Amino acid sequence: MSDVIFLNVQDISEAGVFATVKKAMELGRWDEFIKGPKIFLKINGISDQVVPGQCTSPWVLEAVIRIVKEQFPEADIAMGDTNLAAAQQFNTAAKLWGFRDLAEKYGIKLVNLAEDEAIEVEVGGKIFKKLTLPKSLVDADSILNIPVMKSHCLTTITCCLKNHWGCVPRFRHQYHVVADQCIPDINYYFKKTRFNLIDGTVSMEGNAPRTGISKVCSVIFASNDRVAADYSVAKYMGFPPENIPHILNAEAMGIGSTKNINIIGDNPVVNPFKWPEPDNQPIFKYEMMFRKVPVLKQILFDTPVFSLLCRIATYYNTNIWYNSEGKKYIRSVMKTEYSKEFGPIYKKHNIEY
């Protein structure tokens, strides 16, 4: 039986989020699973723009850091994420979202996994037999995974399992058409991911992860079982988990279980998310269309033409979508109590919305 913790954030404040995260981790017995002197916090730093729900919440992240530091004061703690195929966004994201400030405040290392030394390892997956992975992850004794609960144009949801996609910095985009098996393969190697704290304070629905609609949920999930957690999150979001292949494939590989899940905490009432519609998201639509045609794949993705496509994708996300939709979602979140979290960020960096 796998325990999955579900808690509503009753007090929408920094202190309230901290208390909820602490309770979720304690109920999940996180300190029984995290082992070894080297601990890596795998965050989500997908965006160099501050649209709530795109990246790990600064309040949630600081809560996890404080709790881990208090329990393991002598541990060598690092945190980070990687760049996207189409954009070198993480260093900017770390600055804007306050990840860099948190690393300095608590004396932990901030790692851009795309810039980390790489080591080839045996994976033993169905598609990935070997992988070149960042040394910070290979050397870690434990990974504490902190994904954001979001819908996803490619995989329906992104949560614990999909957050490991960012553990492979350099060529993962070449495997989008088989991501439903590649994601379990990556997770199969990372048995050292021993606990997951899922940020559901502000999520994203629709055509996420980058161009979705900010959705205030004010919930926290936690579990040491990635499969059980993702299964439970999908049900909460209103997505039938039995129709999400990467969850089922991960279960088939023994990474976790969808059976006999024990929900601890509050009652997770379904909170329906808008379904992703890849055909209405031009970046995903045309990428997947072209990748399935061998001659186009070779020309567009295996030659210098790919760098041009990356610039086009980045321009669409950071200019067209952000100005037409992203700012609107910022304004909607700023009408909620989460304005206390994001307002100081916009003020500090002179971000207009």
Protein backbone atom coordinates (compact mmCIF):
# COMPACT_ATOMS: atom_id res chain seq x y z
CA MET A 1 0.00 0.00 0.00
CA SER A 2 1.26 3.48 -0.92
CA ASP A 3 0.49 6.55 1.16
CA VAL A 4 -0.40 9.74 -0.68
CA ILE A 5 -0.82 12.87 1.41
CA PHE A 6 -3.40 15.44 0.31
CA LEU A 7 -3.88 18.72 2.15
CA ASN A 8 -5.78 21.90 1.42
CA VAL A 9 -3.90 25.12 2.19
CA GLN A 10 -6.33 26.78 4.58
CA ASP A 11 -4.28 29.93 5.23
CA ILE A 12 -3.07 31.50 1.98
CA SER A 13 0.05 33.14 3.32
CA GLU A 14 3.74 32.33 3.48
CA ALA A 15 3.28 30.96 6.99
CA GLY A 16 0.20 29.02 5.96
CA VAL A 17 1.95 27.38 3.02
CA PHE A 18 4.92 26.52 5.22
CA ALA A 19 2.66 24.89 7.79
CA THR A 20 0.87 22.86 5.12
CA VAL A 21 4.09 21.70 3.47
CA LYS A 22 5.54 20.75 6.87
CA LYS A 23 2.44 18.78 7.79
CA ALA A 24 2.40 17.00 4.41
CA MET A 25 6.04 16.01 4.73
CA GLU A 26 5.58 14.82 8.30
CA LEU A 27 2.49 12.77 7.43
CA GLY A 28 4.46 11.29 4.54
CA ARG A 29 7.37 10.41 6.88
CA TRP A 30 9.74 12.07 4.47
CA ASP A 31 12.76 11.84 6.77
CA GLU A 32 12.48 8.05 6.81
CA PHE A 33 13.06 8.00 3.05
CA ILE A 34 15.65 10.74 2.47
CA LYS A 35 19.09 9.24 3.11
CA GLY A 36 22.74 10.17 2.75
CA PRO A 37 24.70 13.40 3.09
CA LYS A 38 24.04 14.62 -0.47
CA ILE A 39 20.46 15.75 -1.09
CA PHE A 40 19.25 17.25 -4.38
CA LEU A 41 15.99 19.21 -4.63
CA LYS A 42 14.62 18.81 -8.17
CA ILE A 43 12.50 21.88 -8.83
CA ASN A 44 10.60 23.06 -11.91
CA GLY A 45 12.24 26.08 -13.53
CA ILE A 46 10.71 25.88 -16.98
CA SER A 47 10.07 29.58 -17.55
CA ASP A 48 12.09 32.78 -17.51
CA GLN A 49 8.85 34.74 -17.16
CA VAL A 50 6.90 34.91 -13.92
CA VAL A 51 3.46 33.58 -14.75
CA PRO A 52 2.15 31.84 -11.61
CA GLY A 53 1.96 28.09 -12.02
CA GLN A 54 4.77 27.77 -14.53
CA CYS A 55 7.56 27.13 -12.01
CA THR A 56 7.84 25.85 -8.46
CA SER A 57 6.29 28.30 -6.00
CA PRO A 58 8.90 30.29 -4.05
CA TRP A 59 6.83 29.83 -0.88
CA VAL A 60 6.66 26.05 -1.36
CA LEU A 61 10.34 25.79 -2.22
CA GLU A 62 11.45 27.83 0.78
CA ALA A 63 9.28 25.68 3.04
CA VAL A 64 10.96 22.50 1.76
CA ILE A 65 14.44 24.02 2.10
CA ARG A 66 13.81 25.11 5.69
CA ILE A 67 12.42 21.71 6.67
CA VAL A 68 15.30 19.78 5.07
CA LYS A 69 17.92 22.12 6.55
CA GLU A 70 16.42 21.80 10.02
CA GLN A 71 16.36 18.00 9.86
CA PHE A 72 19.73 17.57 8.15
CA PRO A 73 21.84 20.61 9.14
CA GLU A 74 25.11 18.99 8.02
CA ALA A 75 23.82 17.72 4.68
CA ASP A 76 25.27 18.84 1.35
CA ILE A 77 22.10 20.22 -0.24
CA ALA A 78 21.75 21.38 -3.85
CA MET A 79 18.76 22.29 -5.99
CA GLY A 80 18.12 22.98 -9.62
CA ASP A 81 16.61 22.26 -13.00
CA THR A 82 17.81 22.44 -16.59
CA ASN A 83 17.41 24.50 -19.75
CA LEU A 84 14.78 23.78 -22.36
CA ALA A 85 15.69 22.58 -25.83
CA ALA A 86 14.39 25.84 -27.26
CA ALA A 87 15.66 28.26 -24.61
CA GLN A 88 18.45 28.70 -22.09
CA GLN A 89 15.96 29.92 -19.53
CA PHE A 90 16.96 28.45 -16.18
CA ASN A 91 19.54 31.01 -15.03
CA THR A 92 17.07 33.83 -15.70
CA ALA A 93 14.26 31.86 -14.08
CA ALA A 94 16.42 31.32 -11.00
CA LYS A 95 16.92 35.07 -10.71
CA LEU A 96 13.33 36.16 -11.39
CA TRP A 97 11.58 33.47 -9.34
CA GLY A 98 13.90 33.99 -6.38
CA PHE A 99 15.55 30.56 -6.51
CA ARG A 100 19.01 32.14 -6.53
CA ASP A 101 18.13 34.29 -3.51
CA LEU A 102 16.87 31.23 -1.62
CA ALA A 103 20.06 29.31 -2.41
CA GLU A 104 22.17 32.16 -1.05
CA LYS A 105 19.92 32.67 1.99
CA TYR A 106 20.16 29.04 3.08
CA GLY A 107 23.67 28.30 1.88
CA ILE A 108 22.79 25.63 -0.66
CA LYS A 109 24.10 25.11 -4.17
CA LEU A 110 22.00 26.17 -7.17
CA VAL A 111 22.67 23.98 -10.22
CA ASN A 112 21.77 24.54 -13.85
CA LEU A 113 21.84 20.88 -14.86
CA ALA A 114 22.52 21.84 -18.49
CA GLU A 115 25.83 23.37 -17.38
CA ASP A 116 26.79 20.58 -14.99
CA GLU A 117 29.49 18.02 -15.71
CA ALA A 118 27.96 15.00 -17.46
CA ILE A 119 28.52 11.32 -16.73
CA GLU A 120 27.38 8.33 -18.79
CA VAL A 121 25.43 5.76 -16.76
CA GLU A 122 23.68 2.46 -17.36
CA VAL A 123 19.92 2.95 -17.29
CA GLY A 124 18.51 -0.42 -18.35
CA GLY A 125 15.31 1.07 -19.73
CA LYS A 126 13.27 -0.09 -22.68
CA ILE A 127 14.42 2.82 -24.88
CA PHE A 128 17.27 4.33 -22.89
CA LYS A 129 19.96 1.72 -22.24
CA LYS A 130 22.49 4.40 -21.31
CA LEU A 131 22.17 8.10 -20.58
CA THR A 132 24.51 11.01 -20.07
CA LEU A 133 23.32 12.65 -16.85
CA PRO A 134 24.42 15.60 -14.70
CA LYS A 135 27.04 14.71 -12.10
CA SER A 136 25.06 16.49 -9.37
CA LEU A 137 22.23 13.98 -9.83
CA VAL A 138 24.44 10.94 -10.29
CA ASP A 139 26.37 11.75 -7.11
CA ALA A 140 23.32 12.59 -4.99
CA ASP A 141 22.33 10.10 -2.30
CA SER A 142 18.71 11.25 -2.35
CA ILE A 143 16.53 13.36 -4.63
CA LEU A 144 13.58 15.20 -3.17
CA ASN A 145 11.30 15.94 -6.10
CA ILE A 146 9.25 19.19 -6.08
CA PRO A 147 7.11 19.26 -9.23
CA VAL A 148 4.28 21.63 -10.05
CA MET A 149 0.89 20.06 -10.76
CA LYS A 150 0.06 21.02 -14.36
CA SER A 151 -1.67 19.75 -17.47
CA HIS A 152 0.65 19.05 -20.40
CA CYS A 153 0.15 19.09 -24.17
CA LEU A 154 2.41 16.08 -24.67
CA THR A 155 1.69 13.85 -21.65
CA THR A 156 -1.72 15.11 -20.37
CA ILE A 157 -0.22 15.89 -16.96
CA THR A 158 3.19 16.80 -15.65
CA CYS A 159 3.94 15.90 -12.06
CA CYS A 160 6.39 13.62 -10.24
CA LEU A 161 7.30 11.34 -13.15
CA LYS A 162 7.41 14.02 -15.84
CA ASN A 163 9.54 16.32 -13.64
CA HIS A 164 12.35 13.81 -14.15
CA TRP A 165 12.36 14.65 -17.86
CA GLY A 166 14.40 17.68 -16.83
CA CYS A 167 17.07 15.39 -15.39
CA VAL A 168 18.23 14.74 -18.98
CA PRO A 169 19.46 18.14 -20.15
CA ARG A 170 20.87 17.71 -23.60
CA PHE A 171 18.82 15.74 -26.12
CA ARG A 172 15.50 14.80 -24.58
CA HIS A 173 13.52 16.79 -27.16
CA GLN A 174 14.50 14.17 -29.75
CA TYR A 175 12.36 11.64 -27.88
CA HIS A 176 9.06 13.52 -27.62
CA VAL A 177 7.24 11.00 -29.83
CA VAL A 178 8.15 8.18 -27.42
CA ALA A 179 8.05 10.23 -24.21
CA ASP A 180 5.48 7.91 -22.63
CA GLN A 181 8.18 5.24 -22.33
CA CYS A 182 11.21 7.50 -22.01
CA ILE A 183 9.79 9.13 -18.88
CA PRO A 184 9.47 5.76 -17.08
CA ASP A 185 12.97 4.80 -18.29
CA ILE A 186 14.45 7.91 -16.68
CA ASN A 187 12.51 7.33 -13.48
CA TYR A 188 13.67 3.70 -13.46
CA TYR A 189 17.26 4.89 -13.13
CA PHE A 190 16.44 7.46 -10.46
CA LYS A 191 15.55 5.08 -7.66
CA LYS A 192 17.26 7.63 -5.42
CA THR A 193 14.18 9.88 -5.81
CA ARG A 194 12.87 8.97 -2.40
CA PHE A 195 10.20 11.59 -1.72
CA ASN A 196 7.93 13.93 -3.68
CA LEU A 197 6.33 17.18 -2.51
CA ILE A 198 3.87 18.37 -5.14
CA ASP A 199 3.19 22.08 -5.49
CA GLY A 200 -0.50 22.56 -6.18
CA THR A 201 -0.78 26.09 -4.79
CA VAL A 202 -1.03 27.72 -8.22
CA SER A 203 -1.19 25.20 -11.03
CA MET A 204 -1.76 25.38 -14.79
CA GLU A 205 -4.51 23.91 -16.93
CA GLY A 206 -5.16 23.81 -20.67
CA ASN A 207 -2.17 24.03 -22.99
CA ALA A 208 0.50 23.91 -20.33
CA PRO A 209 3.24 23.49 -19.23
CA ARG A 210 4.48 26.77 -20.69
CA THR A 211 1.38 28.27 -22.29
CA GLY A 212 -1.33 27.11 -19.93
CA ILE A 213 -3.89 28.94 -17.83
CA SER A 214 -2.93 29.75 -14.24
CA LYS A 215 -5.28 27.92 -11.86
CA VAL A 216 -5.35 28.60 -8.13
CA CYS A 217 -5.88 25.27 -6.33
CA SER A 218 -4.21 25.77 -2.93
CA VAL A 219 -3.38 22.11 -2.37
CA ILE A 220 -0.30 20.09 -1.54
CA PHE A 221 0.30 16.41 -2.34
CA ALA A 222 3.19 14.32 -1.01
CA SER A 223 4.35 10.72 -1.30
CA ASN A 224 7.39 8.52 -1.59
CA ASP A 225 5.64 6.69 -4.48
CA ARG A 226 5.81 8.69 -7.72
CA VAL A 227 3.31 6.50 -9.54
CA ALA A 228 0.73 6.59 -6.75
CA ALA A 229 1.17 10.35 -6.44
CA ASP A 230 0.73 11.02 -10.17
CA TYR A 231 -2.26 8.67 -10.28
CA SER A 232 -3.89 10.58 -7.40
CA VAL A 233 -3.04 13.97 -8.89
CA ALA A 234 -4.53 12.98 -12.27
CA LYS A 235 -7.77 11.95 -10.54
CA TYR A 236 -7.88 15.26 -8.66
CA MET A 237 -7.42 17.11 -11.96
CA GLY A 238 -10.25 15.14 -13.56
CA PHE A 239 -8.01 13.25 -16.00
CA PRO A 240 -8.55 9.45 -16.09
CA PRO A 241 -5.13 8.13 -15.01
CA GLU A 242 -5.74 4.83 -16.79
CA ASN A 243 -5.53 6.84 -20.04
CA ILE A 244 -2.13 8.37 -19.24
CA PRO A 245 0.45 5.94 -20.67
CA HIS A 246 3.57 7.16 -18.87
CA ILE A 247 1.93 6.47 -15.50
CA LEU A 248 0.94 2.95 -16.50
CA ASN A 249 4.32 2.27 -18.11
CA ALA A 250 6.08 3.42 -14.95
CA GLU A 251 3.95 1.07 -12.88
CA ALA A 252 4.78 -1.80 -15.26
CA MET A 253 8.48 -1.14 -14.64
CA GLY A 254 8.02 -1.39 -10.88
CA ILE A 255 8.62 2.29 -10.14
CA GLY A 256 5.46 2.53 -8.07
CA SER A 257 1.88 1.33 -7.91
CA THR A 258 -1.61 2.58 -8.72
CA LYS A 259 -3.12 -0.12 -6.48
CA ASN A 260 -4.19 0.15 -2.85
CA ILE A 261 -3.45 3.85 -2.49
CA ASN A 262 -4.05 5.20 1.00
CA ILE A 263 -5.03 8.89 0.97
CA ILE A 264 -4.03 10.65 4.19
CA GLY A 265 -5.17 14.12 5.20
CA ASP A 266 -8.08 15.91 3.55
CA ASN A 267 -10.62 14.48 1.11
CA PRO A 268 -9.42 15.19 -2.47
CA VAL A 269 -12.59 16.30 -4.25
CA VAL A 270 -12.17 16.38 -8.04
CA ASN A 271 -11.21 19.85 -9.30
CA PRO A 272 -11.64 19.55 -13.09
CA PHE A 273 -8.81 21.03 -15.17
CA LYS A 274 -9.24 22.17 -18.75
CA TRP A 275 -7.86 19.50 -21.05
CA PRO A 276 -4.73 20.28 -23.05
CA GLU A 277 -5.45 20.70 -26.77
CA PRO A 278 -2.18 20.19 -28.65
CA ASP A 279 -3.83 21.03 -31.97
CA ASN A 280 -4.46 24.52 -30.61
CA GLN A 281 -0.88 24.95 -29.37
CA PRO A 282 1.24 25.62 -32.48
CA ILE A 283 4.62 24.67 -31.01
CA PHE A 284 3.50 21.18 -29.97
CA LYS A 285 1.21 20.70 -32.96
CA TYR A 286 3.81 21.28 -35.64
CA GLU A 287 6.69 19.70 -33.75
CA MET A 288 4.86 16.39 -33.34
CA MET A 289 3.56 16.52 -36.90
CA PHE A 290 7.02 17.09 -38.39
CA ARG A 291 8.80 14.58 -36.13
CA LYS A 292 6.59 11.78 -37.46
CA VAL A 293 7.76 12.37 -41.04
CA PRO A 294 11.31 10.93 -41.33
CA VAL A 295 12.59 13.28 -44.02
CA LEU A 296 11.21 16.35 -42.21
CA LYS A 297 12.57 15.15 -38.89
CA GLN A 298 16.03 14.84 -40.36
CA ILE A 299 15.94 18.26 -42.01
CA LEU A 300 14.27 20.20 -39.20
CA PHE A 301 15.61 18.57 -36.05
CA ASP A 302 18.93 17.01 -36.99
CA THR A 303 20.49 20.00 -38.75
CA PRO A 304 21.25 23.64 -37.85
CA VAL A 305 17.68 24.43 -38.90
CA PHE A 306 16.70 23.30 -35.41
CA SER A 307 18.28 26.39 -33.86
CA LEU A 308 16.01 28.56 -36.02
CA LEU A 309 12.97 26.58 -34.87
CA CYS A 310 14.08 27.08 -31.28
CA ARG A 311 14.21 30.84 -31.77
CA ILE A 312 10.72 30.81 -33.31
CA ALA A 313 9.34 28.75 -30.41
CA THR A 314 10.98 31.02 -27.86
CA TYR A 315 9.64 34.13 -29.57
CA TYR A 316 6.12 32.70 -29.60
CA ASN A 317 6.23 31.76 -25.90
CA THR A 318 7.93 34.87 -24.57
CA ASN A 319 6.32 37.49 -26.78
CA ILE A 320 3.14 36.44 -28.59
CA TRP A 321 1.66 34.16 -25.95
CA TYR A 322 2.95 36.11 -22.96
CA ASN A 323 1.55 39.44 -24.16
CA SER A 324 -1.76 38.06 -25.41
CA GLU A 325 -2.48 35.54 -22.63
CA GLY A 326 0.21 35.35 -19.96
CA LYS A 327 -0.27 38.85 -18.56
CA LYS A 328 -4.00 38.19 -18.30
CA TYR A 329 -3.34 35.16 -16.09
CA ILE A 330 -0.94 37.16 -13.94
CA ARG A 331 -3.66 39.73 -13.33
CA SER A 332 -6.16 37.01 -12.36
CA VAL A 333 -3.78 35.53 -9.77
CA MET A 334 -2.94 38.97 -8.44
CA LYS A 335 -6.59 39.33 -7.44
CA THR A 336 -6.10 36.47 -4.98
CA GLU A 337 -4.15 36.07 -1.75
CA TYR A 338 -1.19 34.87 -3.85
CA SER A 339 -0.56 38.50 -4.71
CA LYS A 340 1.44 38.48 -1.45
CA GLU A 341 3.77 35.90 -2.98
CA PHE A 342 4.11 37.25 -6.52
CA GLY A 343 3.59 40.97 -5.96
CA PRO A 344 7.07 41.49 -4.43
CA ILE A 345 8.62 39.62 -7.38
CA TYR A 346 6.95 41.87 -9.95
CA LYS A 347 7.91 44.96 -7.96
CA LYS A 348 11.52 43.89 -7.48
CA HIS A 349 12.08 43.16 -11.16
CA ASN A 350 9.83 45.93 -12.53
CA ILE A 351 7.62 43.42 -14.32
CA GLU A 352 4.58 45.07 -15.85
CA TYR A 353 1.37 43.15 -16.34
